[in-house]
C-alpha cells in the first residue's frame, strides 16, 4: 500500500507526460476504460457486495446505501458516461483569445491542464470513474481518496482503469487511489502542496468544511445542496406537484435533490394536500411551519431553523408557507447553500426576479433541481457541483478542470 507522499510523486511524474498526450491517445485510454468496466462487471459487483454487506451491518441509511450500490445497469451507465467524455471536445490547446500588441508581440491565451488534482469523496463509487475519466481527458493526473464505505468497490474500479490506461500506452499512475482510508491520509492530502495543484472535496457538509478549514492546498468547494423549490401563487399546481415530487424522491441522497419546499400562502390550501399525496407514496417525512401543520395536520412535525438549514439526503422535506416572493427569496438567502434553486410560476415577472435575485450556481424556472448534473448539462460526467465562485461554479466539466497560460511570440523585442 503506497503512502500519500509516494502517490503524489508518481502523480506529478505522470502529469508531465499526460499533459502533452494527444486527444487520440487520451480517447483511446478512455475507450479502453469503458470496455474494461463492462468486461469486468462481475468482479466489480463482487467487491461492491462486500461494501454493501458492511454498510447494512453498520446501519447505513437506505438512501446512503443507494449511493453506494452498484448494479450491472449502473456500471453500464458509468461506462456510457466515459464514452460520452470521449465524444466531447478536448479543451487542451484551445486558444481563448489573442492579440497583436503595438510593438509586434503576438499574445495568445491558451488552455492547459491544472496538473495534479486530489479528490476526497464519500460513498459513491461512480465518482471514482467519473472523476478519473474527466481528469484524464483534461490532461490531469488524479489522486482519489474515497470513503471506507466504498473501499473494495474503489480498489476494483481503480485497478480496472489503471490496466486499461497502461494498455493504451499512457502512464497508469495518472489515476491513483489512496487505499488507506484513515483520517491521517485525508489530512496528509490536504497539505500535499508539493504535488497537488488543487483539492476537490465531494460529500456532505462535514467533509467539505473539514477540507476547506484545514487544507493548505487550493480547494474548490463542491457539493452541499440545501436546494429549494418555491411554488408561486401563479403556478400550474399539477406541474408543481410533479416537480416537487421528482426533486425530492427520484434520488434523495444526491446534492441536487430538493430539501425544502416553499409555497405561497394563496395556493397552500390547495397545493400542499395535493403534493403530500404524491410524497406519501415514498413515505417522505415532512417538517413544517405552523401554517403547514394547520393545513396538513399532525402528521407534519414542527420545523426549526436547524431543519430549514439541513441537507437531509434522505426522505425528509422541510416545508414553509410564505406570504410573497420576497419572503421566499429571503428564506433561500438565509438557508440556501448556493447550489440549485427553483421557482414554479406562470408569472414572467416573478420568474425574472427570482432569476436575478437568487444567488445560486443553478436557478430553475418550472423544472426540477435534479437536472444540476454534468451529464444533463451536456458536459458528460462532472467532477462535482461547485458552489463557490472561484475558480469554477456549477457542474464542473472538462473546461473547469483546466487553467490557462499565455504564449508570447516576438521577433527580438526588448523592454
Protein backbone atom coordinates (compact mmCIF):
# COMPACT_ATOMS: atom_id res chain seq x y z
CA UNK A 1 0.00 0.00 0.00
CA UNK A 2 1.61 3.26 -1.18
CA UNK A 3 1.82 6.28 1.09
CA UNK A 4 0.18 9.56 0.14
CA UNK A 5 3.62 11.03 -0.47
CA UNK A 6 4.52 8.21 -2.86
CA UNK A 7 1.24 8.64 -4.71
CA UNK A 8 1.98 12.35 -5.01
CA UNK A 9 5.41 11.77 -6.54
CA UNK A 10 4.04 9.26 -9.06
CA UNK A 11 1.12 11.52 -9.96
CA UNK A 12 3.39 14.51 -10.55
CA UNK A 13 5.57 12.48 -12.87
CA UNK A 14 2.57 11.08 -14.72
CA UNK A 15 1.03 14.53 -15.12
CA UNK A 16 4.02 15.73 -17.15
CA UNK A 17 3.53 13.11 -19.85
CA UNK A 18 -0.26 13.22 -19.74
CA UNK A 19 -0.29 17.00 -20.19
CA UNK A 20 1.23 16.62 -23.66
CA UNK A 21 -0.68 13.48 -24.69
CA UNK A 22 -2.74 13.85 -27.84
CA UNK A 23 -6.51 13.80 -27.87
CA UNK A 24 -6.38 10.47 -29.71
CA UNK A 25 -4.16 8.93 -27.03
CA UNK A 26 -6.40 10.11 -24.23
CA UNK A 27 -9.55 8.96 -26.02
CA UNK A 28 -8.03 5.52 -26.63
CA UNK A 29 -7.42 5.19 -22.89
CA UNK A 30 -10.98 6.27 -22.11
CA UNK A 31 -12.47 3.80 -24.58
CA UNK A 32 -10.33 1.11 -23.00
CA UNK A 33 -11.69 2.04 -19.57
CA UNK A 34 -15.29 1.82 -20.83
CA UNK A 35 -14.68 -1.63 -22.34
CA UNK A 36 -12.91 -2.83 -19.21
CA UNK A 37 -15.72 -1.72 -16.92
CA UNK A 38 -18.27 -3.81 -18.80
CA UNK A 39 -15.98 -6.82 -19.21
CA UNK A 40 -15.10 -6.82 -15.50
CA UNK A 41 -18.61 -6.15 -14.24
CA UNK A 42 -18.84 -9.38 -12.25
CA UNK A 43 -15.60 -8.71 -10.36
CA UNK A 44 -16.64 -5.13 -9.59
CA UNK A 45 -20.06 -6.23 -8.36
CA UNK A 46 -18.47 -8.86 -6.12
CA UNK A 47 -16.35 -6.22 -4.41
CA UNK A 48 -19.30 -3.84 -4.18
CA UNK A 49 -21.29 -6.61 -2.47
CA UNK A 50 -18.64 -6.65 0.27
CA UNK A 51 -19.13 -2.92 0.78
CA UNK A 52 -22.91 -3.27 0.76
CA UNK A 53 -22.81 -6.03 3.37
CA UNK A 54 -20.65 -3.88 5.66
CA UNK A 55 -22.98 -0.90 5.11
CA UNK A 56 -26.02 -2.94 6.16
CA UNK A 57 -24.22 -4.32 9.21
CA UNK A 58 -23.18 -0.79 10.22
CA UNK A 59 -26.71 0.57 9.97
CA UNK A 60 -26.20 2.86 6.95
CA UNK A 61 -29.47 4.50 5.88
CA UNK A 62 -31.25 3.14 2.82
CA UNK A 63 -30.71 6.40 0.96
CA UNK A 64 -26.97 6.27 1.60
CA UNK A 65 -26.86 2.60 0.67
CA UNK A 66 -28.40 3.60 -2.64
CA UNK A 67 -25.44 5.94 -3.21
CA UNK A 68 -23.08 3.05 -2.56
CA UNK A 69 -24.84 0.33 -4.53
CA UNK A 70 -23.61 -0.74 -7.96
CA UNK A 71 -25.64 -2.85 -10.36
CA UNK A 72 -24.95 -4.17 -13.83
CA UNK A 73 -27.07 -1.36 -15.21
CA UNK A 74 -25.28 1.29 -13.16
CA UNK A 75 -21.87 0.04 -14.25
CA UNK A 76 -23.04 0.14 -17.87
CA UNK A 77 -24.26 3.69 -17.23
CA UNK A 78 -20.85 4.64 -15.83
CA UNK A 79 -19.16 3.13 -18.88
CA UNK A 80 -21.54 5.01 -21.18
CA UNK A 81 -20.62 8.20 -19.32
CA UNK A 82 -16.95 7.57 -20.08
CA UNK A 83 -17.77 7.16 -23.77
CA UNK A 84 -19.66 10.45 -23.67
CA UNK A 85 -16.47 12.11 -22.45
CA UNK A 86 -14.65 10.63 -25.45
CA UNK A 87 -17.07 12.47 -27.72
CA UNK A 88 -16.52 15.81 -26.01
CA UNK A 89 -14.16 18.40 -27.44
CA UNK A 90 -10.71 18.36 -25.85
CA UNK A 91 -10.19 21.78 -24.23
CA UNK A 92 -6.39 21.45 -24.02
CA UNK A 93 -4.66 23.72 -26.51
CA UNK A 94 -7.73 25.82 -27.23
CA UNK A 95 -6.88 29.46 -27.88
CA UNK A 96 -9.11 31.54 -25.63
CA UNK A 97 -8.05 34.88 -27.05
CA UNK A 98 -5.24 36.55 -28.93
CA UNK A 99 -3.91 39.94 -29.85
CA UNK A 100 -1.00 41.67 -31.53
CA UNK A 101 0.47 44.48 -29.44
CA UNK A 102 1.65 47.76 -30.99
CA UNK A 103 5.25 46.57 -30.55
CA UNK A 104 4.55 43.48 -32.64
CA UNK A 105 4.32 40.93 -29.84
CA UNK A 106 1.76 38.21 -30.57
CA UNK A 107 -0.01 37.14 -27.35
CA UNK A 108 -2.26 34.11 -27.11
CA UNK A 109 -4.19 32.84 -24.08
CA UNK A 110 -4.17 29.02 -24.30
CA UNK A 111 -5.99 26.41 -22.22
CA UNK A 112 -3.79 23.95 -20.28
CA UNK A 113 -4.28 21.23 -17.62
CA UNK A 114 -4.37 22.12 -13.94
CA UNK A 115 -1.74 19.43 -13.23
CA UNK A 116 -2.44 17.04 -10.34
CA UNK A 117 -5.92 17.03 -8.82
CA UNK A 118 -6.75 15.45 -5.48
CA UNK A 119 -10.34 14.39 -4.83
CA UNK A 120 -11.66 13.43 -1.41
CA UNK A 121 -15.12 11.90 -1.56
CA UNK A 122 -17.50 9.66 0.34
CA UNK A 123 -19.58 6.61 -0.53
CA UNK A 124 -20.36 6.95 -4.25
CA UNK A 125 -18.10 4.60 -6.25
CA UNK A 126 -19.28 6.10 -9.55
CA UNK A 127 -17.30 9.20 -8.58
CA UNK A 128 -14.14 7.09 -8.84
CA UNK A 129 -14.67 6.59 -12.56
CA UNK A 130 -16.31 9.92 -13.39
CA UNK A 131 -13.51 11.88 -11.76
CA UNK A 132 -10.73 9.79 -13.27
CA UNK A 133 -12.17 9.98 -16.78
CA UNK A 134 -12.72 13.74 -16.69
CA UNK A 135 -9.29 14.42 -15.25
CA UNK A 136 -7.63 12.20 -17.86
CA UNK A 137 -9.41 13.86 -20.79
CA UNK A 138 -8.41 17.29 -19.44
CA UNK A 139 -4.78 16.17 -19.16
CA UNK A 140 -4.66 15.99 -15.37
CA UNK A 141 -3.33 13.27 -13.11
CA UNK A 142 -5.66 12.49 -10.22
CA UNK A 143 -5.31 11.06 -6.72
CA UNK A 144 -8.61 9.68 -5.47
CA UNK A 145 -9.38 9.25 -1.79
CA UNK A 146 -12.80 7.68 -1.27
CA UNK A 147 -14.54 6.76 1.96
CA UNK A 148 -14.04 3.49 3.78
CA UNK A 149 -17.65 2.54 2.96
CA UNK A 150 -16.72 2.01 -0.71
CA UNK A 151 -13.11 0.90 -0.42
CA UNK A 152 -13.48 -2.55 -2.01
CA UNK A 153 -15.50 -1.12 -4.91
CA UNK A 154 -12.98 1.67 -5.42
CA UNK A 155 -9.95 -0.63 -5.40
CA UNK A 156 -11.59 -2.82 -8.04
CA UNK A 157 -12.58 0.15 -10.22
CA UNK A 158 -9.16 1.77 -9.99
CA UNK A 159 -7.38 -1.47 -10.89
CA UNK A 160 -9.58 -1.88 -13.96
CA UNK A 161 -8.88 1.70 -15.07
CA UNK A 162 -5.12 1.54 -14.50
CA UNK A 163 -4.84 -1.64 -16.57
CA UNK A 164 -6.80 -0.05 -19.42
CA UNK A 165 -4.69 3.12 -19.30
CA UNK A 166 -1.46 1.09 -19.37
CA UNK A 167 -2.70 -0.96 -22.34
CA UNK A 168 -3.43 2.31 -24.17
CA UNK A 169 0.21 3.37 -23.76
CA UNK A 170 -0.22 6.05 -21.09
CA UNK A 171 1.23 6.13 -17.57
CA UNK A 172 -1.25 4.27 -15.32
CA UNK A 173 -0.13 6.42 -12.39
CA UNK A 174 -2.18 9.27 -13.83
CA UNK A 175 -5.07 7.64 -11.92
CA UNK A 176 -4.33 6.52 -8.37
CA UNK A 177 -6.31 5.59 -5.28
CA UNK A 178 -5.45 6.16 -1.63
CA UNK A 179 -6.24 2.72 -0.20
CA UNK A 180 -5.68 3.79 3.40
CA UNK A 181 -8.96 5.46 4.39
CA UNK A 182 -7.81 6.69 7.79
CA UNK A 183 -8.19 10.33 8.77
CA UNK A 184 -4.41 10.67 8.64
CA UNK A 185 -4.27 10.13 4.88
CA UNK A 186 -7.03 12.66 4.36
CA UNK A 187 -5.10 15.20 6.45
CA UNK A 188 -1.91 14.46 4.50
CA UNK A 189 -3.65 15.12 1.19
CA UNK A 190 -4.90 18.46 2.46
CA UNK A 191 -1.30 19.60 2.92
CA UNK A 192 0.32 17.95 -0.11
CA UNK A 193 1.24 21.28 -1.68
CA UNK A 194 4.41 19.93 -3.27
CA UNK A 195 2.44 17.59 -5.52
CA UNK A 196 -1.24 18.64 -5.61
CA UNK A 197 -2.31 21.67 -7.63
CA UNK A 198 -5.89 21.63 -6.37
CA UNK A 199 -8.04 19.61 -3.96
CA UNK A 200 -11.75 18.96 -4.55
CA UNK A 201 -13.94 17.55 -1.75
CA UNK A 202 -17.16 15.76 -2.73
CA UNK A 203 -19.55 14.79 0.03
CA UNK A 204 -21.54 16.11 2.94
CA UNK A 205 -21.18 19.40 4.72
CA UNK A 206 -18.90 17.94 7.41
CA UNK A 207 -16.36 16.64 4.91
CA UNK A 208 -16.36 19.80 2.83
CA UNK A 209 -15.93 22.11 5.82
CA UNK A 210 -13.13 19.93 7.19
CA UNK A 211 -11.25 20.26 3.92
CA UNK A 212 -11.93 23.98 3.50
CA UNK A 213 -10.85 24.75 7.08
CA UNK A 214 -7.76 22.51 7.12
CA UNK A 215 -6.26 22.35 3.63
CA UNK A 216 -3.22 24.36 2.61
CA UNK A 217 -3.66 23.09 -0.97
CA UNK A 218 -6.04 25.31 -3.01
CA UNK A 219 -9.62 23.96 -2.68
CA UNK A 220 -12.62 24.03 -4.99
CA UNK A 221 -15.67 23.74 -2.74
CA UNK A 222 -18.42 21.47 -4.03
CA UNK A 223 -21.47 19.57 -3.11
CA UNK A 224 -23.59 20.83 -0.21
CA UNK A 225 -27.07 21.20 -1.65
CA UNK A 226 -29.78 22.62 0.57
CA UNK A 227 -31.98 23.09 -2.51
CA UNK A 228 -35.40 24.77 -2.52
CA UNK A 229 -38.45 24.65 -4.75
CA UNK A 230 -40.74 27.69 -4.43
CA UNK A 231 -44.32 27.28 -5.67
CA UNK A 232 -45.55 30.74 -6.60
CA UNK A 233 -49.17 31.84 -6.45
CA UNK A 234 -49.48 31.71 -10.26
CA UNK A 235 -48.02 28.20 -10.60
CA UNK A 236 -49.59 25.36 -12.53
CA UNK A 237 -50.20 23.28 -9.40
CA UNK A 238 -50.34 19.90 -11.13
CA UNK A 239 -46.97 20.59 -12.75
CA UNK A 240 -45.61 21.93 -9.47
CA UNK A 241 -46.59 18.76 -7.61
CA UNK A 242 -44.79 16.57 -10.15
CA UNK A 243 -41.67 18.74 -9.97
CA UNK A 244 -41.59 18.79 -6.16
CA UNK A 245 -42.08 15.03 -6.00
CA UNK A 246 -39.35 14.41 -8.56
CA UNK A 247 -36.90 16.80 -6.95
CA UNK A 248 -37.37 15.10 -3.56
CA UNK A 249 -37.91 11.42 -4.26
CA UNK A 250 -36.21 10.46 -7.54
CA UNK A 251 -32.88 10.16 -5.69
CA UNK A 252 -32.92 11.90 -2.32
CA UNK A 253 -29.32 11.06 -1.43
CA UNK A 254 -27.72 13.37 -4.01
CA UNK A 255 -26.77 17.03 -3.72
CA UNK A 256 -29.27 18.30 -6.32
CA UNK A 257 -32.26 16.80 -4.50
CA UNK A 258 -34.83 19.20 -3.04
CA UNK A 259 -34.55 19.63 0.73
CA UNK A 260 -37.10 22.42 1.30
CA UNK A 261 -40.47 23.35 -0.20
CA UNK A 262 -41.69 26.94 -0.10
CA UNK A 263 -45.31 27.59 -1.01
CA UNK A 264 -47.18 30.86 -1.49
CA UNK A 265 -49.99 31.29 1.02
CA UNK A 266 -52.59 31.92 -1.72
CA UNK A 267 -52.22 28.37 -3.11
CA UNK A 268 -51.11 26.49 0.03
CA UNK A 269 -54.58 25.20 0.96
CA UNK A 270 -54.97 23.54 -2.44
CA UNK A 271 -51.38 22.64 -3.22
CA UNK A 272 -50.00 21.15 0.00
CA UNK A 273 -52.54 18.28 0.24
CA UNK A 274 -52.02 17.61 -3.47
CA UNK A 275 -48.24 17.28 -3.18
CA UNK A 276 -48.41 15.40 0.13
CA UNK A 277 -50.40 12.66 -1.59
CA UNK A 278 -47.51 12.14 -4.01
CA UNK A 279 -44.82 12.39 -1.34
CA UNK A 280 -46.66 9.86 0.83
CA UNK A 281 -46.05 7.24 -1.85
CA UNK A 282 -42.36 7.43 -0.90
CA UNK A 283 -43.04 7.86 2.85
CA UNK A 284 -41.47 11.32 2.89
CA UNK A 285 -41.27 12.80 6.39
CA UNK A 286 -42.49 16.41 6.46
CA UNK A 287 -41.25 19.10 8.84
CA UNK A 288 -43.30 22.27 8.54
CA UNK A 289 -44.19 25.73 9.80
CA UNK A 290 -47.38 26.27 11.86
CA UNK A 291 -49.42 27.06 8.73
CA UNK A 292 -48.23 23.86 7.05
CA UNK A 293 -49.26 21.88 10.15
CA UNK A 294 -52.65 23.61 10.20
CA UNK A 295 -53.30 22.60 6.60
CA UNK A 296 -51.86 19.08 6.64
CA UNK A 297 -52.41 18.07 10.26
CA UNK A 298 -50.37 16.40 12.95
CA UNK A 299 -48.56 14.08 10.54
CA UNK A 300 -46.28 17.08 9.92
CA UNK A 301 -43.71 17.71 12.65
CA UNK A 302 -42.74 21.28 13.62
CA UNK A 303 -39.75 22.61 11.67
CA UNK A 304 -36.92 24.50 13.34
CA UNK A 305 -34.36 26.84 11.82
CA UNK A 306 -31.91 23.96 12.07
CA UNK A 307 -34.26 21.84 9.94
CA UNK A 308 -34.52 24.57 7.32
CA UNK A 309 -30.70 24.69 7.18
CA UNK A 310 -30.25 20.92 6.86
CA UNK A 311 -29.26 18.93 3.80
CA UNK A 312 -31.17 15.75 4.72
CA UNK A 313 -30.02 13.50 1.85
CA UNK A 314 -32.96 11.29 2.79
CA UNK A 315 -36.76 11.07 2.54
CA UNK A 316 -37.28 14.18 4.68
CA UNK A 317 -38.53 17.56 3.46
CA UNK A 318 -38.92 20.87 5.27
CA UNK A 319 -41.92 22.98 4.27
CA UNK A 320 -42.75 26.66 4.78
CA UNK A 321 -45.74 28.73 3.70
CA UNK A 322 -44.64 32.23 2.64
CA UNK A 323 -46.59 35.41 2.02
CA UNK A 324 -44.65 36.64 -1.01
CA UNK A 325 -41.85 36.12 -3.49
CA UNK A 326 -39.77 38.47 -1.35
CA UNK A 327 -40.15 36.17 1.66
CA UNK A 328 -39.24 33.12 -0.44
CA UNK A 329 -36.09 34.80 -1.77
CA UNK A 330 -35.14 35.94 1.73
CA UNK A 331 -35.61 32.41 3.10
CA UNK A 332 -33.38 30.98 0.36
CA UNK A 333 -30.75 33.65 1.00
CA UNK A 334 -30.73 32.71 4.69
CA UNK A 335 -30.76 28.92 4.45
CA UNK A 336 -29.59 28.04 0.92
CA UNK A 337 -26.12 26.78 0.09
CA UNK A 338 -25.80 28.32 -3.37
CA UNK A 339 -26.38 25.04 -5.20
CA UNK A 340 -29.73 24.80 -7.05
CA UNK A 341 -32.97 26.73 -6.52
CA UNK A 342 -36.27 26.55 -8.43
CA UNK A 343 -39.42 28.60 -8.87
CA UNK A 344 -42.65 27.20 -10.29
CA UNK A 345 -44.64 30.06 -11.76
CA UNK A 346 -46.61 31.31 -14.75
CA UNK A 347 -45.74 34.90 -13.89
CA UNK A 348 -42.91 36.07 -16.16
CA UNK A 349 -42.07 39.00 -13.89
CA UNK A 350 -41.80 36.73 -10.84
CA UNK A 351 -39.60 34.33 -12.79
CA UNK A 352 -37.27 37.10 -13.90
CA UNK A 353 -37.00 38.48 -10.36
CA UNK A 354 -36.23 35.01 -8.98
CA UNK A 355 -33.53 34.50 -11.64
CA UNK A 356 -31.88 37.81 -10.79
CA UNK A 357 -32.20 37.83 -7.02
CA UNK A 358 -31.44 34.22 -6.06
CA UNK A 359 -27.70 33.65 -5.69
CA UNK A 360 -27.01 30.03 -6.68
CA UNK A 361 -24.95 28.04 -9.14
CA UNK A 362 -28.14 26.95 -10.94
CA UNK A 363 -31.53 28.68 -10.91
CA UNK A 364 -34.54 26.91 -12.44
CA UNK A 365 -37.89 28.14 -13.71
CA UNK A 366 -40.54 25.40 -13.96
CA UNK A 367 -38.11 22.48 -13.78
CA UNK A 368 -36.69 20.10 -11.19
CA UNK A 369 -33.43 20.85 -9.39
CA UNK A 370 -32.36 17.29 -10.22
CA UNK A 371 -31.03 18.50 -13.56
CA UNK A 372 -27.95 20.12 -11.99
CA UNK A 373 -25.62 17.47 -13.31
CA UNK A 374 -22.76 17.41 -15.79
CA UNK A 375 -24.41 14.79 -17.96
CA UNK A 376 -27.73 16.62 -18.04
CA UNK A 377 -25.96 19.86 -18.94
CA UNK A 378 -24.16 18.16 -21.83
CA UNK A 379 -20.73 18.11 -20.16
CA UNK A 380 -20.51 14.31 -19.92
CA UNK A 381 -19.81 13.29 -16.34
CA UNK A 382 -18.87 16.00 -13.88
CA UNK A 383 -16.27 16.24 -11.14
CA UNK A 384 -18.76 17.87 -8.79
CA UNK A 385 -21.06 20.86 -8.45
CA UNK A 386 -19.06 23.89 -7.38
CA UNK A 387 -20.99 26.15 -5.01
CA UNK A 388 -18.27 28.79 -4.82
CA UNK A 389 -17.44 31.50 -7.33
CA UNK A 390 -13.72 30.84 -7.84
CA UNK A 391 -12.31 29.04 -9.82
CA UNK A 392 -15.49 27.46 -11.19
CA UNK A 393 -19.23 27.46 -10.44
CA UNK A 394 -21.91 24.85 -11.12
CA UNK A 395 -21.27 21.45 -12.76
CA UNK A 396 -17.54 21.10 -13.29
CA UNK A 397 -16.89 19.54 -16.67
CA UNK A 398 -13.73 19.40 -18.75
CA UNK A 399 -13.17 23.12 -19.18
CA UNK A 400 -13.46 23.69 -15.43
CA UNK A 401 -10.58 21.24 -14.91
CA UNK A 402 -8.19 23.41 -16.88
CA UNK A 403 -6.31 26.66 -16.47
CA UNK A 404 -4.69 28.99 -18.99
CA UNK A 405 -1.26 30.24 -19.85
CA UNK A 406 -0.04 32.97 -22.18
CA UNK A 407 2.08 32.18 -25.23
CA UNK A 408 4.01 35.24 -26.44
CA UNK A 409 5.77 35.34 -29.82
CA UNK A 410 8.24 38.06 -30.70
CA UNK A 411 10.98 38.86 -33.16
CA UNK A 412 13.56 40.45 -30.93
CA UNK A 413 11.50 42.92 -28.89
CA UNK A 414 13.06 44.21 -25.65
CA UNK A 415 11.63 46.48 -22.98
